[in-house]
Amino acid sequence: MTTLSRTSSPRPRPDAPAGADAGAPHASARSSWVPELHGLRGLALALVVLFHLFGHGRVSGGVDVFLVVSGYLATATLLRRAERRALDPVAYWGRTFVRLAPPALVVLAATALLMVLTAPENTWLQTLREIFATATYWVNWEMISGQLAYGAAGPGTSPVQHFWSLSVQAQFFVVWPLLILLVAAAVRRTGCRSTPP
């Protein structure tokens, strides 16, 4: 009978996150999966949904917590890839936007249809501008230019206002890999080494 040694390499976890480095040792994949952080992000996302369902003053939005935790997890993945010189911003953008775009486009198409069926015609142009800005991930700047805050509520509230935080997240995903690459190049040039989280 053959027994397994306690020092044998464990198999990769099936529940490792999609952002875990493919082909990396198991220890690296395990260290990238922090259940507490993913649980906190899930709780923050639930608070965002409740905030939009039940309105202001009843539940905290959770957007800031969701964005901070998501940013930390994304940064950890990018730093690991930059350390191995395997960070490809174009591939990273492709994976990110393929994941984000399909459900967003379905919601935007439904919003446009409902606008035509139910909204006054004098609101169509502005709503279409906001839908286009949402599809191109800069609706937060479109709303800022129109002096509409994320936490605003009332008759003037945009039907795509809940995409504000998604636009912020998408802009982060565009800019941050480039900054990570610049920092990694500077670190290599100076001969310094860092340990990614």
N, C-alpha and C. Protein backbone atom coordinates (compact mmCIF):
# COMPACT_ATOMS: atom_id res chain seq x y z
N MET A 1 0.85 -1.20 0.00
CA MET A 1 0.00 0.00 0.00
C MET A 1 0.88 1.24 0.00
N THR A 2 0.54 2.16 -0.81
CA THR A 2 1.32 3.39 -0.91
C THR A 2 0.67 4.49 -0.10
N THR A 3 1.47 5.17 0.70
CA THR A 3 0.96 6.29 1.49
C THR A 3 1.52 7.59 0.97
N LEU A 4 0.74 8.64 1.06
CA LEU A 4 1.18 9.95 0.61
C LEU A 4 1.97 10.64 1.70
N SER A 5 3.05 11.26 1.33
CA SER A 5 3.86 12.02 2.29
C SER A 5 3.18 13.34 2.60
N ARG A 6 3.34 13.82 3.82
CA ARG A 6 2.78 15.12 4.21
C ARG A 6 3.46 16.26 3.48
N THR A 7 4.64 16.01 2.95
CA THR A 7 5.37 17.07 2.26
C THR A 7 5.07 17.11 0.77
N SER A 8 4.17 16.22 0.29
CA SER A 8 3.85 16.25 -1.13
C SER A 8 3.11 17.52 -1.48
N SER A 9 3.30 17.95 -2.72
CA SER A 9 2.69 19.22 -3.16
C SER A 9 1.19 19.05 -3.29
N PRO A 10 0.41 19.93 -2.65
CA PRO A 10 -1.05 19.82 -2.76
C PRO A 10 -1.52 20.24 -4.13
N ARG A 11 -2.67 19.72 -4.52
CA ARG A 11 -3.24 20.11 -5.80
C ARG A 11 -3.78 21.54 -5.71
N PRO A 12 -3.78 22.26 -6.85
CA PRO A 12 -4.35 23.61 -6.84
C PRO A 12 -5.81 23.58 -6.43
N ARG A 13 -6.22 24.57 -5.66
CA ARG A 13 -7.60 24.65 -5.21
C ARG A 13 -8.54 24.94 -6.36
N PRO A 14 -9.66 24.21 -6.47
CA PRO A 14 -10.61 24.47 -7.55
C PRO A 14 -11.29 25.80 -7.41
N ASP A 15 -11.30 26.37 -6.18
CA ASP A 15 -12.00 27.63 -5.99
C ASP A 15 -11.06 28.81 -6.02
N ALA A 16 -9.84 28.61 -6.55
CA ALA A 16 -8.91 29.74 -6.64
C ALA A 16 -9.49 30.79 -7.56
N PRO A 17 -9.27 32.09 -7.27
CA PRO A 17 -9.89 33.14 -8.06
C PRO A 17 -9.37 33.18 -9.48
N ALA A 18 -10.19 33.75 -10.36
CA ALA A 18 -9.80 33.83 -11.77
C ALA A 18 -8.54 34.64 -11.95
N GLY A 19 -8.28 35.57 -11.04
CA GLY A 19 -7.10 36.42 -11.15
C GLY A 19 -5.83 35.75 -10.69
N ALA A 20 -5.92 34.54 -10.13
CA ALA A 20 -4.72 33.85 -9.67
C ALA A 20 -3.84 33.53 -10.85
N ASP A 21 -2.53 33.56 -10.63
CA ASP A 21 -1.59 33.39 -11.72
C ASP A 21 -1.59 31.95 -12.20
N ALA A 22 -1.84 31.76 -13.49
CA ALA A 22 -1.80 30.43 -14.06
C ALA A 22 -0.37 29.93 -14.09
N GLY A 23 -0.17 28.67 -13.72
CA GLY A 23 1.15 28.08 -13.77
C GLY A 23 2.02 28.44 -12.59
N ALA A 24 1.54 29.26 -11.68
CA ALA A 24 2.32 29.63 -10.51
C ALA A 24 2.24 28.51 -9.49
N PRO A 25 3.22 28.45 -8.56
CA PRO A 25 3.16 27.43 -7.51
C PRO A 25 1.88 27.56 -6.71
N HIS A 26 1.49 26.45 -6.07
CA HIS A 26 0.24 26.45 -5.31
C HIS A 26 0.27 27.49 -4.20
N ALA A 27 1.42 27.69 -3.57
CA ALA A 27 1.51 28.64 -2.47
C ALA A 27 1.15 30.04 -2.94
N SER A 28 1.55 30.37 -4.18
CA SER A 28 1.23 31.70 -4.70
C SER A 28 -0.25 31.85 -4.93
N ALA A 29 -0.89 30.80 -5.52
CA ALA A 29 -2.33 30.87 -5.76
C ALA A 29 -3.09 30.93 -4.44
N ARG A 30 -2.59 30.16 -3.42
CA ARG A 30 -3.28 30.15 -2.15
C ARG A 30 -3.18 31.52 -1.47
N SER A 31 -1.99 32.16 -1.56
CA SER A 31 -1.82 33.44 -0.88
C SER A 31 -2.63 34.54 -1.55
N SER A 32 -2.99 34.35 -2.83
CA SER A 32 -3.77 35.37 -3.52
C SER A 32 -5.26 35.28 -3.17
N TRP A 33 -5.66 34.17 -2.57
CA TRP A 33 -7.07 33.97 -2.23
C TRP A 33 -7.25 34.26 -0.75
N VAL A 34 -7.85 35.39 -0.44
CA VAL A 34 -8.08 35.78 0.95
C VAL A 34 -9.59 35.79 1.16
N PRO A 35 -10.13 34.74 1.77
CA PRO A 35 -11.60 34.64 1.90
C PRO A 35 -12.22 35.84 2.58
N GLU A 36 -11.53 36.39 3.59
CA GLU A 36 -12.09 37.53 4.31
C GLU A 36 -12.29 38.74 3.40
N LEU A 37 -11.32 38.98 2.52
CA LEU A 37 -11.44 40.13 1.61
C LEU A 37 -12.55 39.91 0.59
N HIS A 38 -12.64 38.70 0.06
CA HIS A 38 -13.70 38.43 -0.91
C HIS A 38 -15.07 38.47 -0.24
N GLY A 39 -15.14 38.02 1.01
CA GLY A 39 -16.39 38.12 1.75
C GLY A 39 -16.78 39.56 2.01
N LEU A 40 -15.78 40.39 2.36
CA LEU A 40 -16.05 41.81 2.58
C LEU A 40 -16.53 42.48 1.30
N ARG A 41 -15.93 42.11 0.18
CA ARG A 41 -16.35 42.68 -1.10
C ARG A 41 -17.78 42.25 -1.44
N GLY A 42 -18.11 40.99 -1.16
CA GLY A 42 -19.47 40.52 -1.40
C GLY A 42 -20.49 41.25 -0.53
N LEU A 43 -20.12 41.49 0.74
CA LEU A 43 -21.01 42.24 1.63
C LEU A 43 -21.21 43.66 1.13
N ALA A 44 -20.11 44.30 0.69
CA ALA A 44 -20.21 45.66 0.17
C ALA A 44 -21.10 45.70 -1.07
N LEU A 45 -20.97 44.70 -1.93
CA LEU A 45 -21.81 44.65 -3.14
C LEU A 45 -23.28 44.49 -2.76
N ALA A 46 -23.56 43.66 -1.75
CA ALA A 46 -24.95 43.51 -1.30
C ALA A 46 -25.50 44.83 -0.77
N LEU A 47 -24.66 45.60 -0.07
CA LEU A 47 -25.10 46.90 0.44
C LEU A 47 -25.38 47.88 -0.69
N VAL A 48 -24.59 47.78 -1.77
CA VAL A 48 -24.84 48.63 -2.94
C VAL A 48 -26.22 48.33 -3.51
N VAL A 49 -26.54 47.04 -3.65
CA VAL A 49 -27.84 46.64 -4.19
C VAL A 49 -28.96 47.13 -3.28
N LEU A 50 -28.82 46.94 -1.97
CA LEU A 50 -29.84 47.38 -1.04
C LEU A 50 -30.00 48.89 -1.06
N PHE A 51 -28.89 49.60 -1.21
CA PHE A 51 -28.92 51.06 -1.29
C PHE A 51 -29.79 51.53 -2.45
N HIS A 52 -29.61 50.87 -3.62
CA HIS A 52 -30.38 51.28 -4.79
C HIS A 52 -31.83 50.79 -4.73
N LEU A 53 -32.08 49.70 -4.02
CA LEU A 53 -33.46 49.21 -3.91
C LEU A 53 -34.29 50.02 -2.93
N PHE A 54 -33.70 50.39 -1.81
CA PHE A 54 -34.48 51.00 -0.73
C PHE A 54 -34.19 52.48 -0.50
N GLY A 55 -33.25 53.04 -1.26
CA GLY A 55 -33.05 54.49 -1.20
C GLY A 55 -32.14 54.93 -0.08
N HIS A 56 -32.11 56.24 0.08
CA HIS A 56 -31.14 56.89 0.96
C HIS A 56 -31.62 56.90 2.40
N GLY A 57 -30.65 56.94 3.31
CA GLY A 57 -30.96 57.06 4.72
C GLY A 57 -31.32 55.76 5.40
N ARG A 58 -31.45 54.66 4.63
CA ARG A 58 -31.85 53.39 5.22
C ARG A 58 -30.70 52.39 5.30
N VAL A 59 -29.75 52.47 4.37
CA VAL A 59 -28.63 51.54 4.37
C VAL A 59 -27.44 52.22 3.71
N SER A 60 -26.26 51.92 4.21
CA SER A 60 -25.05 52.50 3.63
C SER A 60 -24.80 51.93 2.25
N GLY A 61 -24.24 52.75 1.37
CA GLY A 61 -24.03 52.33 -0.01
C GLY A 61 -23.02 51.22 -0.18
N GLY A 62 -21.88 51.27 0.54
CA GLY A 62 -20.86 50.23 0.41
C GLY A 62 -19.98 50.37 -0.81
N VAL A 63 -20.19 51.42 -1.63
CA VAL A 63 -19.43 51.55 -2.87
C VAL A 63 -17.95 51.74 -2.58
N ASP A 64 -17.63 52.59 -1.60
CA ASP A 64 -16.23 52.87 -1.31
C ASP A 64 -15.49 51.62 -0.86
N VAL A 65 -16.14 50.80 -0.01
CA VAL A 65 -15.52 49.56 0.45
C VAL A 65 -15.30 48.61 -0.72
N PHE A 66 -16.32 48.47 -1.58
CA PHE A 66 -16.20 47.58 -2.73
C PHE A 66 -15.05 47.99 -3.63
N LEU A 67 -14.92 49.29 -3.91
CA LEU A 67 -13.88 49.76 -4.81
C LEU A 67 -12.49 49.60 -4.20
N VAL A 68 -12.36 49.88 -2.91
CA VAL A 68 -11.05 49.75 -2.26
C VAL A 68 -10.59 48.29 -2.24
N VAL A 69 -11.48 47.37 -1.86
CA VAL A 69 -11.11 45.96 -1.81
C VAL A 69 -10.82 45.43 -3.21
N SER A 70 -11.65 45.80 -4.17
CA SER A 70 -11.40 45.36 -5.56
C SER A 70 -10.08 45.90 -6.07
N GLY A 71 -9.78 47.15 -5.73
CA GLY A 71 -8.51 47.74 -6.15
C GLY A 71 -7.32 47.03 -5.54
N TYR A 72 -7.44 46.65 -4.26
CA TYR A 72 -6.35 45.93 -3.61
C TYR A 72 -6.11 44.57 -4.28
N LEU A 73 -7.19 43.83 -4.52
CA LEU A 73 -7.06 42.50 -5.13
C LEU A 73 -6.49 42.60 -6.54
N ALA A 74 -6.95 43.59 -7.31
CA ALA A 74 -6.42 43.77 -8.67
C ALA A 74 -4.95 44.14 -8.62
N THR A 75 -4.57 45.02 -7.68
CA THR A 75 -3.18 45.45 -7.57
C THR A 75 -2.28 44.27 -7.21
N ALA A 76 -2.73 43.41 -6.30
CA ALA A 76 -1.94 42.23 -5.93
C ALA A 76 -1.68 41.34 -7.13
N THR A 77 -2.70 41.12 -7.95
CA THR A 77 -2.53 40.29 -9.15
C THR A 77 -1.58 40.95 -10.14
N LEU A 78 -1.73 42.25 -10.36
CA LEU A 78 -0.86 42.96 -11.30
C LEU A 78 0.59 42.95 -10.83
N LEU A 79 0.82 43.13 -9.53
CA LEU A 79 2.19 43.12 -9.02
C LEU A 79 2.85 41.76 -9.18
N ARG A 80 2.08 40.69 -8.96
CA ARG A 80 2.66 39.35 -9.15
C ARG A 80 3.06 39.14 -10.60
N ARG A 81 2.20 39.57 -11.51
CA ARG A 81 2.51 39.39 -12.94
C ARG A 81 3.68 40.28 -13.35
N ALA A 82 3.74 41.50 -12.84
CA ALA A 82 4.85 42.39 -13.17
C ALA A 82 6.17 41.84 -12.63
N GLU A 83 6.12 41.21 -11.46
CA GLU A 83 7.33 40.61 -10.87
C GLU A 83 7.89 39.52 -11.77
N ARG A 84 6.99 38.77 -12.43
CA ARG A 84 7.41 37.69 -13.33
C ARG A 84 7.58 38.18 -14.77
N ARG A 85 7.41 39.49 -14.97
CA ARG A 85 7.47 40.09 -16.32
C ARG A 85 6.44 39.46 -17.23
N ALA A 86 5.27 39.17 -16.68
CA ALA A 86 4.19 38.53 -17.44
C ALA A 86 2.96 39.43 -17.51
N LEU A 87 3.13 40.71 -17.22
CA LEU A 87 1.99 41.63 -17.24
C LEU A 87 1.80 42.18 -18.65
N ASP A 88 0.68 41.82 -19.25
CA ASP A 88 0.32 42.30 -20.59
C ASP A 88 -0.95 43.15 -20.45
N PRO A 89 -0.81 44.50 -20.47
CA PRO A 89 -1.99 45.34 -20.25
C PRO A 89 -3.11 45.09 -21.24
N VAL A 90 -2.77 44.85 -22.52
CA VAL A 90 -3.82 44.64 -23.53
C VAL A 90 -4.63 43.39 -23.21
N ALA A 91 -3.94 42.31 -22.86
CA ALA A 91 -4.65 41.08 -22.50
C ALA A 91 -5.47 41.28 -21.23
N TYR A 92 -4.91 42.03 -20.28
CA TYR A 92 -5.64 42.30 -19.03
C TYR A 92 -6.90 43.11 -19.30
N TRP A 93 -6.78 44.14 -20.15
CA TRP A 93 -7.96 44.94 -20.50
C TRP A 93 -9.00 44.07 -21.20
N GLY A 94 -8.54 43.20 -22.10
CA GLY A 94 -9.47 42.34 -22.83
C GLY A 94 -10.27 41.45 -21.89
N ARG A 95 -9.57 40.79 -20.96
CA ARG A 95 -10.26 39.91 -20.01
C ARG A 95 -11.24 40.71 -19.15
N THR A 96 -10.82 41.90 -18.72
CA THR A 96 -11.66 42.71 -17.85
C THR A 96 -12.92 43.16 -18.54
N PHE A 97 -12.79 43.70 -19.75
CA PHE A 97 -13.95 44.26 -20.41
C PHE A 97 -14.85 43.20 -21.04
N VAL A 98 -14.29 42.05 -21.38
CA VAL A 98 -15.15 40.94 -21.82
C VAL A 98 -16.03 40.48 -20.66
N ARG A 99 -15.50 40.57 -19.43
CA ARG A 99 -16.27 40.19 -18.26
C ARG A 99 -17.31 41.26 -17.91
N LEU A 100 -16.97 42.54 -18.06
CA LEU A 100 -17.87 43.61 -17.64
C LEU A 100 -18.91 43.99 -18.69
N ALA A 101 -18.54 43.93 -19.96
CA ALA A 101 -19.37 44.53 -21.00
C ALA A 101 -20.70 43.81 -21.27
N PRO A 102 -20.75 42.48 -21.43
CA PRO A 102 -22.02 41.85 -21.83
C PRO A 102 -23.20 42.16 -20.92
N PRO A 103 -23.10 41.97 -19.59
CA PRO A 103 -24.28 42.29 -18.76
C PRO A 103 -24.61 43.78 -18.78
N ALA A 104 -23.59 44.62 -18.86
CA ALA A 104 -23.84 46.07 -18.89
C ALA A 104 -24.60 46.46 -20.15
N LEU A 105 -24.22 45.88 -21.29
CA LEU A 105 -24.89 46.22 -22.55
C LEU A 105 -26.33 45.74 -22.57
N VAL A 106 -26.61 44.60 -21.94
CA VAL A 106 -28.00 44.13 -21.85
C VAL A 106 -28.84 45.12 -21.06
N VAL A 107 -28.31 45.58 -19.92
CA VAL A 107 -29.04 46.55 -19.09
C VAL A 107 -29.24 47.85 -19.84
N LEU A 108 -28.22 48.31 -20.56
CA LEU A 108 -28.34 49.57 -21.30
C LEU A 108 -29.36 49.47 -22.42
N ALA A 109 -29.39 48.33 -23.11
CA ALA A 109 -30.38 48.14 -24.18
C ALA A 109 -31.79 48.17 -23.60
N ALA A 110 -31.99 47.51 -22.46
CA ALA A 110 -33.31 47.51 -21.81
C ALA A 110 -33.68 48.91 -21.34
N THR A 111 -32.69 49.65 -20.84
CA THR A 111 -32.94 51.02 -20.39
C THR A 111 -33.36 51.91 -21.55
N ALA A 112 -32.68 51.77 -22.69
CA ALA A 112 -33.04 52.57 -23.86
C ALA A 112 -34.46 52.25 -24.33
N LEU A 113 -34.82 50.97 -24.31
CA LEU A 113 -36.16 50.57 -24.74
C LEU A 113 -37.22 51.14 -23.80
N LEU A 114 -36.98 51.03 -22.50
CA LEU A 114 -37.94 51.57 -21.53
C LEU A 114 -38.04 53.09 -21.64
N MET A 115 -36.93 53.74 -21.95
CA MET A 115 -36.95 55.19 -22.12
C MET A 115 -37.90 55.58 -23.26
N VAL A 116 -37.78 54.88 -24.38
CA VAL A 116 -38.64 55.18 -25.53
C VAL A 116 -40.11 54.93 -25.20
N LEU A 117 -40.37 53.89 -24.41
CA LEU A 117 -41.75 53.51 -24.11
C LEU A 117 -42.39 54.36 -23.02
N THR A 118 -41.59 54.89 -22.10
CA THR A 118 -42.19 55.52 -20.92
C THR A 118 -41.76 56.95 -20.64
N ALA A 119 -40.61 57.36 -21.14
CA ALA A 119 -40.08 58.69 -20.77
C ALA A 119 -40.56 59.76 -21.74
N PRO A 120 -40.72 61.00 -21.27
CA PRO A 120 -41.07 62.11 -22.17
C PRO A 120 -39.97 62.31 -23.22
N GLU A 121 -40.38 62.70 -24.41
CA GLU A 121 -39.41 62.85 -25.50
C GLU A 121 -38.35 63.89 -25.20
N ASN A 122 -38.68 64.89 -24.40
CA ASN A 122 -37.69 65.93 -24.14
C ASN A 122 -36.55 65.45 -23.24
N THR A 123 -36.65 64.23 -22.71
CA THR A 123 -35.57 63.67 -21.90
C THR A 123 -34.72 62.65 -22.67
N TRP A 124 -35.15 62.32 -23.88
CA TRP A 124 -34.46 61.27 -24.62
C TRP A 124 -33.02 61.60 -24.94
N LEU A 125 -32.76 62.81 -25.39
CA LEU A 125 -31.40 63.16 -25.82
C LEU A 125 -30.41 63.04 -24.67
N GLN A 126 -30.76 63.61 -23.52
CA GLN A 126 -29.85 63.54 -22.38
C GLN A 126 -29.66 62.10 -21.92
N THR A 127 -30.75 61.34 -21.92
CA THR A 127 -30.62 59.94 -21.48
C THR A 127 -29.77 59.14 -22.45
N LEU A 128 -29.93 59.39 -23.75
CA LEU A 128 -29.09 58.69 -24.73
C LEU A 128 -27.62 59.06 -24.57
N ARG A 129 -27.35 60.33 -24.26
CA ARG A 129 -25.96 60.75 -24.00
C ARG A 129 -25.39 59.98 -22.81
N GLU A 130 -26.21 59.82 -21.77
CA GLU A 130 -25.74 59.11 -20.58
C GLU A 130 -25.58 57.61 -20.86
N ILE A 131 -26.45 57.05 -21.68
CA ILE A 131 -26.31 55.64 -22.04
C ILE A 131 -25.04 55.43 -22.86
N PHE A 132 -24.75 56.32 -23.78
CA PHE A 132 -23.51 56.21 -24.57
C PHE A 132 -22.29 56.37 -23.66
N ALA A 133 -22.35 57.33 -22.74
CA ALA A 133 -21.24 57.53 -21.81
C ALA A 133 -21.05 56.31 -20.93
N THR A 134 -22.14 55.66 -20.57
CA THR A 134 -22.05 54.44 -19.76
C THR A 134 -21.40 53.32 -20.55
N ALA A 135 -21.79 53.16 -21.81
CA ALA A 135 -21.24 52.09 -22.66
C ALA A 135 -19.75 52.28 -22.90
N THR A 136 -19.27 53.52 -22.80
CA THR A 136 -17.85 53.80 -23.01
C THR A 136 -17.12 54.08 -21.69
N TYR A 137 -17.79 53.82 -20.57
CA TYR A 137 -17.19 53.85 -19.24
C TYR A 137 -16.67 55.24 -18.82
N TRP A 138 -17.41 56.28 -19.15
CA TRP A 138 -17.05 57.60 -18.61
C TRP A 138 -18.29 58.35 -18.14
N VAL A 139 -19.33 57.60 -17.75
CA VAL A 139 -20.58 58.25 -17.35
C VAL A 139 -20.40 59.07 -16.07
N ASN A 140 -19.45 58.72 -15.22
CA ASN A 140 -19.22 59.53 -14.03
C ASN A 140 -18.83 60.96 -14.39
N TRP A 141 -18.00 61.11 -15.42
CA TRP A 141 -17.59 62.45 -15.86
C TRP A 141 -18.73 63.17 -16.56
N GLU A 142 -19.56 62.43 -17.29
CA GLU A 142 -20.74 63.03 -17.92
C GLU A 142 -21.68 63.59 -16.85
N MET A 143 -21.87 62.85 -15.77
CA MET A 143 -22.76 63.31 -14.72
C MET A 143 -22.15 64.44 -13.91
N ILE A 144 -20.84 64.38 -13.70
CA ILE A 144 -20.18 65.48 -13.00
C ILE A 144 -20.32 66.77 -13.80
N SER A 145 -20.19 66.67 -15.13
CA SER A 145 -20.34 67.87 -15.96
C SER A 145 -21.76 68.42 -15.89
N GLY A 146 -22.72 67.54 -15.61
CA GLY A 146 -24.11 67.97 -15.45
C GLY A 146 -24.48 68.24 -14.01
N GLN A 147 -23.46 68.26 -13.13
CA GLN A 147 -23.64 68.56 -11.70
C GLN A 147 -24.61 67.59 -11.02
N LEU A 148 -24.51 66.32 -11.41
CA LEU A 148 -25.31 65.28 -10.77
C LEU A 148 -24.39 64.41 -9.94
N ALA A 149 -24.57 64.40 -8.62
CA ALA A 149 -23.72 63.63 -7.73
C ALA A 149 -24.17 62.18 -7.69
N TYR A 150 -23.25 61.29 -7.31
CA TYR A 150 -23.58 59.87 -7.23
C TYR A 150 -24.72 59.62 -6.25
N GLY A 151 -24.72 60.33 -5.15
CA GLY A 151 -25.74 60.10 -4.13
C GLY A 151 -27.03 60.87 -4.36
N ALA A 152 -27.17 61.52 -5.51
CA ALA A 152 -28.38 62.31 -5.76
C ALA A 152 -29.59 61.40 -5.93
N ALA A 153 -30.75 61.96 -5.59
CA ALA A 153 -32.01 61.23 -5.78
C ALA A 153 -33.10 62.23 -6.07
N GLY A 154 -34.11 61.79 -6.80
CA GLY A 154 -35.21 62.70 -7.12
C GLY A 154 -35.61 62.58 -8.57
N PRO A 155 -36.47 63.48 -9.02
CA PRO A 155 -36.98 63.41 -10.40
C PRO A 155 -35.88 63.53 -11.45
N GLY A 156 -34.79 64.23 -11.12
CA GLY A 156 -33.72 64.43 -12.11
C GLY A 156 -32.68 63.33 -12.11
N THR A 157 -32.89 62.29 -11.33
CA THR A 157 -31.91 61.21 -11.26
C THR A 157 -31.84 60.46 -12.58
N SER A 158 -30.60 60.14 -13.00
CA SER A 158 -30.40 59.43 -14.26
C SER A 158 -30.75 57.96 -14.12
N PRO A 159 -31.35 57.34 -15.16
CA PRO A 159 -31.65 55.91 -15.10
C PRO A 159 -30.40 55.03 -15.14
N VAL A 160 -29.25 55.62 -15.49
CA VAL A 160 -28.00 54.85 -15.52
C VAL A 160 -27.03 55.32 -14.44
N GLN A 161 -27.56 55.98 -13.43
CA GLN A 161 -26.71 56.53 -12.39
C GLN A 161 -25.95 55.46 -11.62
N HIS A 162 -26.54 54.26 -11.53
CA HIS A 162 -25.89 53.18 -10.80
C HIS A 162 -24.64 52.68 -11.51
N PHE A 163 -24.40 53.11 -12.76
CA PHE A 163 -23.18 52.74 -13.48
C PHE A 163 -22.00 53.64 -13.12
N TRP A 164 -22.22 54.62 -12.28
CA TRP A 164 -21.16 55.55 -11.89
C TRP A 164 -19.94 54.78 -11.36
N SER A 165 -20.15 53.92 -10.39
CA SER A 165 -19.04 53.20 -9.78
C SER A 165 -18.38 52.22 -10.74
N LEU A 166 -19.15 51.64 -11.67
CA LEU A 166 -18.57 50.74 -12.67
C LEU A 166 -17.62 51.51 -13.58
N SER A 167 -17.98 52.75 -13.92
CA SER A 167 -17.10 53.57 -14.75
C SER A 167 -15.80 53.88 -14.02
N VAL A 168 -15.91 54.20 -12.72
CA VAL A 168 -14.70 54.46 -11.93
C VAL A 168 -13.82 53.22 -11.92
N GLN A 169 -14.42 52.05 -11.73
CA GLN A 169 -13.66 50.81 -11.70
C GLN A 169 -12.99 50.54 -13.05
N ALA A 170 -13.71 50.75 -14.14
CA ALA A 170 -13.15 50.50 -15.47
C ALA A 170 -11.99 51.45 -15.75
N GLN A 171 -12.12 52.72 -15.36
CA GLN A 171 -11.03 53.67 -15.56
C GLN A 171 -9.79 53.26 -14.76
N PHE A 172 -10.02 52.74 -13.57
CA PHE A 172 -8.91 52.23 -12.75
C PHE A 172 -8.21 51.08 -13.48
N PHE A 173 -9.00 50.16 -14.06
CA PHE A 173 -8.42 49.01 -14.74
C PHE A 173 -7.64 49.43 -15.99
N VAL A 174 -7.99 50.56 -16.59
CA VAL A 174 -7.24 51.04 -17.76
C VAL A 174 -5.91 51.64 -17.34
N VAL A 175 -5.93 52.50 -16.32
CA VAL A 175 -4.74 53.28 -15.95
C VAL A 175 -3.77 52.48 -15.09
N TRP A 176 -4.28 51.70 -14.15
CA TRP A 176 -3.43 51.09 -13.13
C TRP A 176 -2.39 50.12 -13.68
N PRO A 177 -2.72 49.23 -14.65
CA PRO A 177 -1.68 48.34 -15.19
C PRO A 177 -0.51 49.11 -15.80
N LEU A 178 -0.79 50.23 -16.45
CA LEU A 178 0.29 51.02 -17.04
C LEU A 178 1.19 51.60 -15.96
N LEU A 179 0.60 52.09 -14.87
CA LEU A 179 1.39 52.62 -13.77
C LEU A 179 2.22 51.52 -13.11
N ILE A 180 1.63 50.33 -12.96
CA ILE A 180 2.37 49.20 -12.39
C ILE A 180 3.57 48.85 -13.27
N LEU A 181 3.38 48.86 -14.59
CA LEU A 181 4.49 48.57 -15.50
C LEU A 181 5.59 49.61 -15.38
N LEU A 182 5.21 50.90 -15.28
CA LEU A 182 6.22 51.96 -15.14
C LEU A 182 7.00 51.80 -13.85
N VAL A 183 6.30 51.51 -12.75
CA VAL A 183 6.98 51.32 -11.48
C VAL A 183 7.90 50.10 -11.53
N ALA A 184 7.42 49.01 -12.13
CA ALA A 184 8.23 47.80 -12.23
C ALA A 184 9.49 48.06 -13.04
N ALA A 185 9.36 48.81 -14.14
CA ALA A 185 10.53 49.14 -14.96
C ALA A 185 11.52 49.99 -14.18
N ALA A 186 11.01 50.95 -13.40
CA ALA A 186 11.89 51.80 -12.60
C ALA A 186 12.60 50.99 -11.52
N VAL A 187 11.88 50.03 -10.91
CA VAL A 187 12.49 49.19 -9.88
C VAL A 187 13.59 48.33 -10.47
N ARG A 188 13.36 47.76 -11.64
CA ARG A 188 14.39 46.94 -12.27
C ARG A 188 15.60 47.78 -12.65
N ARG A 189 15.36 48.99 -13.12
CA ARG A 189 16.47 49.86 -13.54
C ARG A 189 17.35 50.23 -12.36
N THR A 190 16.74 50.45 -11.20
CA THR A 190 17.52 50.84 -10.02
C THR A 190 18.07 49.64 -9.26
N GLY A 191 17.66 48.44 -9.67
CA GLY A 191 18.16 47.24 -9.01
C GLY A 191 17.46 46.90 -7.73
N CYS A 192 16.37 47.61 -7.39
CA CYS A 192 15.63 47.30 -6.18
C CYS A 192 14.69 46.13 -6.45
N ARG A 193 14.34 45.44 -5.40
CA ARG A 193 13.38 44.35 -5.51
C ARG A 193 12.30 44.54 -4.47
N SER A 194 11.08 44.19 -4.85
CA SER A 194 9.97 44.28 -3.92
C SER A 194 9.23 42.97 -3.90
N THR A 195 8.53 42.72 -2.82
CA THR A 195 7.74 41.49 -2.69
C THR A 195 6.28 41.84 -2.85
N PRO A 196 5.63 41.37 -3.94
CA PRO A 196 4.22 41.70 -4.13
C PRO A 196 3.39 41.09 -3.03
N PRO A 197 2.25 41.71 -2.71
CA PRO A 197 1.38 41.18 -1.66
C PRO A 197 0.82 39.84 -2.03
